[in-house]
């Protein structure tokens, strides 16, 4: 059961990644910049978000990101 954490490089996202990994769950993550080796994703780009979900097919998705203006 892969967990997708959108905003994995932020404070809340990184904590969720840590907890999911500690529980033995495979984790995929995104960040606006691709920082930390995560997938680069702009959460304001609807087609990019749907594309990420379609290609990764996570069992669970958690959004901890917010658009930066």
Protein backbone atom coordinates (compact mmCIF):
# COMPACT_ATOMS: atom_id res chain seq x y z
CA UNK A 1 0.00 0.00 0.00
CA UNK A 2 1.91 3.03 -1.27
CA UNK A 3 1.29 6.30 0.52
CA UNK A 4 1.61 9.49 -1.53
CA UNK A 5 2.49 12.56 0.53
CA UNK A 6 1.99 15.77 -1.41
CA UNK A 7 4.23 18.38 0.20
CA UNK A 8 6.69 15.80 1.53
CA UNK A 9 9.50 18.33 1.95
CA UNK A 10 7.54 20.53 4.36
CA UNK A 11 7.34 20.11 8.12
CA UNK A 12 4.04 18.22 8.30
CA UNK A 13 4.73 16.22 5.15
CA UNK A 14 8.16 15.12 6.33
CA UNK A 15 6.70 13.95 9.64
CA UNK A 16 4.04 11.91 7.81
CA UNK A 17 6.74 10.40 5.58
CA UNK A 18 8.74 9.46 8.67
CA UNK A 19 5.75 7.85 10.37
CA UNK A 20 4.60 5.95 7.28
CA UNK A 21 8.12 4.68 6.62
CA UNK A 22 8.49 3.62 10.26
CA UNK A 23 5.25 1.65 9.88
CA UNK A 24 6.79 -0.17 6.92
CA UNK A 25 4.72 1.54 4.22
CA UNK A 26 6.24 2.41 0.85
CA UNK A 27 6.15 6.19 0.47
CA UNK A 28 6.16 8.42 -2.59
CA UNK A 29 6.35 12.15 -2.08
CA UNK A 30 6.14 15.41 -3.96
CA UNK A 31 7.44 18.90 -3.45
CA UNK A 32 7.22 22.12 -5.43
CA UNK A 33 10.98 22.15 -6.06
CA UNK A 34 11.74 18.43 -6.15
CA UNK A 35 13.82 18.99 -3.02
CA UNK A 36 14.87 15.91 -1.08
CA UNK A 37 14.59 13.63 -4.09
CA UNK A 38 10.81 13.90 -4.21
CA UNK A 39 8.81 14.24 -7.40
CA UNK A 40 8.43 17.83 -8.52
CA UNK A 41 4.76 18.86 -8.51
CA UNK A 42 2.95 22.18 -8.74
CA UNK A 43 -0.28 21.64 -6.77
CA UNK A 44 -1.99 24.42 -8.72
CA UNK A 45 -1.53 22.49 -11.99
CA UNK A 46 -4.61 20.26 -12.11
CA UNK A 47 -3.40 18.09 -15.00
CA UNK A 48 -0.03 17.52 -13.28
CA UNK A 49 -1.79 16.44 -10.07
CA UNK A 50 -4.05 14.01 -11.94
CA UNK A 51 -1.06 12.73 -13.92
CA UNK A 52 0.89 12.06 -10.73
CA UNK A 53 -2.05 10.16 -9.25
CA UNK A 54 -2.60 8.16 -12.44
CA UNK A 55 1.04 7.17 -12.82
CA UNK A 56 1.70 6.35 -9.17
CA UNK A 57 -1.66 4.78 -8.32
CA UNK A 58 -1.19 5.25 -4.56
CA UNK A 59 -3.50 3.44 -2.16
CA UNK A 60 -3.59 6.55 0.02
CA UNK A 61 -2.91 10.20 -0.76
CA UNK A 62 -2.32 12.89 1.85
CA UNK A 63 -2.08 16.54 0.83
CA UNK A 64 0.02 18.67 3.16
CA UNK A 65 0.98 21.21 0.48
CA UNK A 66 -0.26 24.71 -0.12
CA UNK A 67 0.22 26.95 -3.10
CA UNK A 68 2.98 29.49 -2.67
CA UNK A 69 2.24 32.87 -4.20
